[in-house]
C-alpha cells in the first residue's frame, strides 16, 4: 500500500499503538523493523521523488475500488507481481514491483532507449530487453528484501 500511495504523490499515516504502560507490542516492533530495512534498501526510490506520468500498471489499476460506509473509497485490492508502481527522480525511473515475482517482469509502459537497469539493494547484474511490448526484466536470482522490490531504470 505504501508504494501505491507514494506513486500517487500521497502520504501514509502509520498509527503505532502503545500499551497502557507505554510499551510497543512485539508485532508492532516487527512491522517497524521491517519498514526500516525496506527503507534502507529502497529509500532512494522514495525520498525526493515525484510521480511519473502514470502512477502504475497491472491488474489492480483496472479493478474498481469499493466504497466504504461513509461514501469514500477503501483500498481492498490485492496486489500481484504484475502490479507496478512508478516514481521518478531526474532521469531515473523507479519501478516498484508490488509482490515478489516468480517469472520475468514486463513493464509495458516503459519504452524508449534505456541506459541501465538495477535492482536496489543488489549487486547482481540485471539482464533486460527493450521490446515493442515494453521493458522486459529477467528474473534476478535473489531479491534483497521480502517485500516490494524496486528496479531503477536510467533513460
Protein backbone atom coordinates (compact mmCIF):
# COMPACT_ATOMS: atom_id res chain seq x y z
CA UNK A 1 0.00 0.00 0.00
CA UNK A 2 2.88 2.38 0.79
CA UNK A 3 4.36 2.15 -2.73
CA UNK A 4 0.90 2.69 -4.25
CA UNK A 5 0.41 5.85 -2.20
CA UNK A 6 3.92 7.15 -2.96
CA UNK A 7 3.36 6.68 -6.70
CA UNK A 8 0.32 8.97 -6.45
CA UNK A 9 2.23 11.67 -4.52
CA UNK A 10 0.34 10.82 -1.34
CA UNK A 11 1.20 10.42 2.32
CA UNK A 12 0.64 7.42 4.57
CA UNK A 13 -0.05 7.86 8.24
CA UNK A 14 1.05 4.87 10.28
CA UNK A 15 -0.59 4.57 13.67
CA UNK A 16 1.73 3.00 16.23
CA UNK A 17 -0.36 1.92 19.21
CA UNK A 18 1.23 1.69 22.63
CA UNK A 19 0.20 -0.49 25.54
CA UNK A 20 -1.20 1.23 28.66
CA UNK A 21 2.34 1.06 30.08
CA UNK A 22 3.72 2.97 27.07
CA UNK A 23 5.45 -0.04 25.51
CA UNK A 24 5.12 -1.33 21.97
CA UNK A 25 3.77 -4.79 21.25
CA UNK A 26 6.19 -7.26 19.59
CA UNK A 27 4.18 -7.33 16.34
CA UNK A 28 4.33 -3.52 16.10
CA UNK A 29 8.09 -3.60 16.69
CA UNK A 30 8.44 -6.20 13.92
CA UNK A 31 6.45 -4.05 11.47
CA UNK A 32 8.66 -1.04 12.25
CA UNK A 33 11.83 -3.15 11.91
CA UNK A 34 10.66 -4.43 8.52
CA UNK A 35 9.89 -0.87 7.37
CA UNK A 36 13.35 0.26 8.49
CA UNK A 37 15.04 -2.50 6.46
CA UNK A 38 12.88 -1.79 3.40
CA UNK A 39 13.64 1.95 3.54
CA UNK A 40 17.37 1.31 3.97
CA UNK A 41 17.30 -0.70 0.73
CA UNK A 42 14.71 1.25 -1.29
CA UNK A 43 14.69 4.74 0.20
CA UNK A 44 16.30 6.25 -2.91
CA UNK A 45 13.11 5.39 -4.84
CA UNK A 46 11.00 7.24 -2.26
CA UNK A 47 12.85 10.31 -0.97
CA UNK A 48 12.88 13.43 -3.19
CA UNK A 49 10.95 11.65 -5.97
CA UNK A 50 7.91 12.73 -7.92
CA UNK A 51 5.07 10.79 -9.53
CA UNK A 52 5.76 9.67 -13.09
CA UNK A 53 3.39 10.43 -15.99
CA UNK A 54 1.33 7.39 -14.89
CA UNK A 55 1.22 6.07 -11.34
CA UNK A 56 1.30 2.41 -12.30
CA UNK A 57 0.13 -0.53 -14.33
CA UNK A 58 -1.23 -4.01 -13.76
CA UNK A 59 -4.44 -5.75 -12.75
CA UNK A 60 -5.05 -3.62 -9.65
CA UNK A 61 -5.22 -0.44 -11.74
CA UNK A 62 -8.23 -1.82 -13.59
CA UNK A 63 -10.29 -3.04 -10.63
CA UNK A 64 -12.69 -0.58 -9.13
CA UNK A 65 -12.25 0.30 -5.50
CA UNK A 66 -15.06 -0.49 -3.07
CA UNK A 67 -16.95 2.29 -1.34
CA UNK A 68 -16.71 2.50 2.42
CA UNK A 69 -19.64 3.15 4.69
CA UNK A 70 -19.02 6.92 4.65
CA UNK A 71 -19.14 7.20 0.85
CA UNK A 72 -15.39 7.37 0.22
CA UNK A 73 -13.20 4.67 -1.27
CA UNK A 74 -11.36 1.92 0.54
CA UNK A 75 -8.34 0.10 -0.78
CA UNK A 76 -9.25 -3.59 -0.80
CA UNK A 77 -7.27 -4.56 -3.88
CA UNK A 78 -4.82 -7.41 -3.67
CA UNK A 79 -1.56 -6.81 -5.50
CA UNK A 80 0.27 -9.24 -7.76
CA UNK A 81 3.78 -9.28 -9.26
CA UNK A 82 2.21 -7.81 -12.42
CA UNK A 83 1.24 -4.68 -10.48
CA UNK A 84 3.89 -1.99 -10.89
CA UNK A 85 4.04 1.49 -9.36
CA UNK A 86 6.34 4.28 -10.53
CA UNK A 87 8.21 7.27 -9.16
CA UNK A 88 10.82 9.41 -10.90
CA UNK A 89 13.85 11.45 -9.86
CA UNK A 90 15.76 13.35 -12.57
CA UNK A 91 16.49 10.80 -15.34
CA UNK A 92 15.83 7.77 -13.11
CA UNK A 93 12.53 5.89 -13.18
CA UNK A 94 11.78 3.69 -10.16
CA UNK A 95 9.55 0.66 -10.71
CA UNK A 96 8.05 -0.87 -7.56
CA UNK A 97 7.01 -4.50 -8.16
CA UNK A 98 4.13 -4.93 -5.72
CA UNK A 99 4.82 -8.64 -4.98
CA UNK A 100 7.96 -10.74 -5.26
CA UNK A 101 7.77 -12.13 -8.82
CA UNK A 102 8.41 -15.73 -9.81
CA UNK A 103 8.87 -15.00 -13.53
CA UNK A 104 10.32 -12.28 -15.74
CA UNK A 105 8.85 -8.81 -15.26
CA UNK A 106 7.25 -6.82 -18.08
CA UNK A 107 6.99 -3.05 -17.71
CA UNK A 108 4.67 -2.33 -20.63
CA UNK A 109 4.65 1.44 -20.02
CA UNK A 110 8.44 1.78 -20.12
CA UNK A 111 9.57 2.37 -23.69
CA UNK A 112 12.47 4.20 -25.29
CA UNK A 113 16.22 3.90 -25.02
CA UNK A 114 17.33 2.52 -21.64
CA UNK A 115 20.89 3.12 -20.37
CA UNK A 116 20.77 0.80 -17.37
CA UNK A 117 18.56 -1.20 -15.00
CA UNK A 118 19.47 -2.15 -11.46
CA UNK A 119 17.71 -3.76 -8.52
CA UNK A 120 18.04 -1.62 -5.40
CA UNK A 121 19.95 -3.42 -2.65
CA UNK A 122 21.56 -5.88 -5.05
CA UNK A 123 24.89 -6.04 -6.87
CA UNK A 124 23.56 -8.60 -9.34
CA UNK A 125 23.77 -7.59 -12.99
CA UNK A 126 20.22 -7.20 -14.25
CA UNK A 127 19.50 -8.55 -17.71
CA UNK A 128 16.80 -6.71 -19.62
CA UNK A 129 15.40 -6.42 -23.11
CA UNK A 130 13.71 -3.44 -24.74
CA UNK A 131 10.95 -4.66 -27.00
CA UNK A 132 7.82 -3.36 -28.67
CA UNK A 133 5.78 -4.58 -25.67
CA UNK A 134 7.91 -2.61 -23.21
CA UNK A 135 10.87 -3.32 -20.95
CA UNK A 136 11.28 -6.97 -20.01
CA UNK A 137 13.46 -7.64 -16.94
CA UNK A 138 14.85 -11.13 -16.43
CA UNK A 139 14.05 -12.52 -13.00
CA UNK A 140 17.03 -11.95 -10.67
CA UNK A 141 18.47 -14.91 -8.76
CA UNK A 142 17.76 -13.26 -5.39
CA UNK A 143 15.81 -10.30 -4.05
CA UNK A 144 17.33 -8.16 -1.27
CA UNK A 145 14.09 -7.93 0.74
CA UNK A 146 10.86 -9.86 1.14
CA UNK A 147 8.50 -7.07 0.12
CA UNK A 148 8.12 -4.84 -2.95
CA UNK A 149 11.44 -4.91 -4.80
CA UNK A 150 12.39 -1.76 -6.70
CA UNK A 151 14.14 -1.54 -10.06
CA UNK A 152 15.86 1.72 -11.03
CA UNK A 153 15.79 2.44 -14.75
CA UNK A 154 18.04 5.14 -16.20
CA UNK A 155 16.99 6.55 -19.55
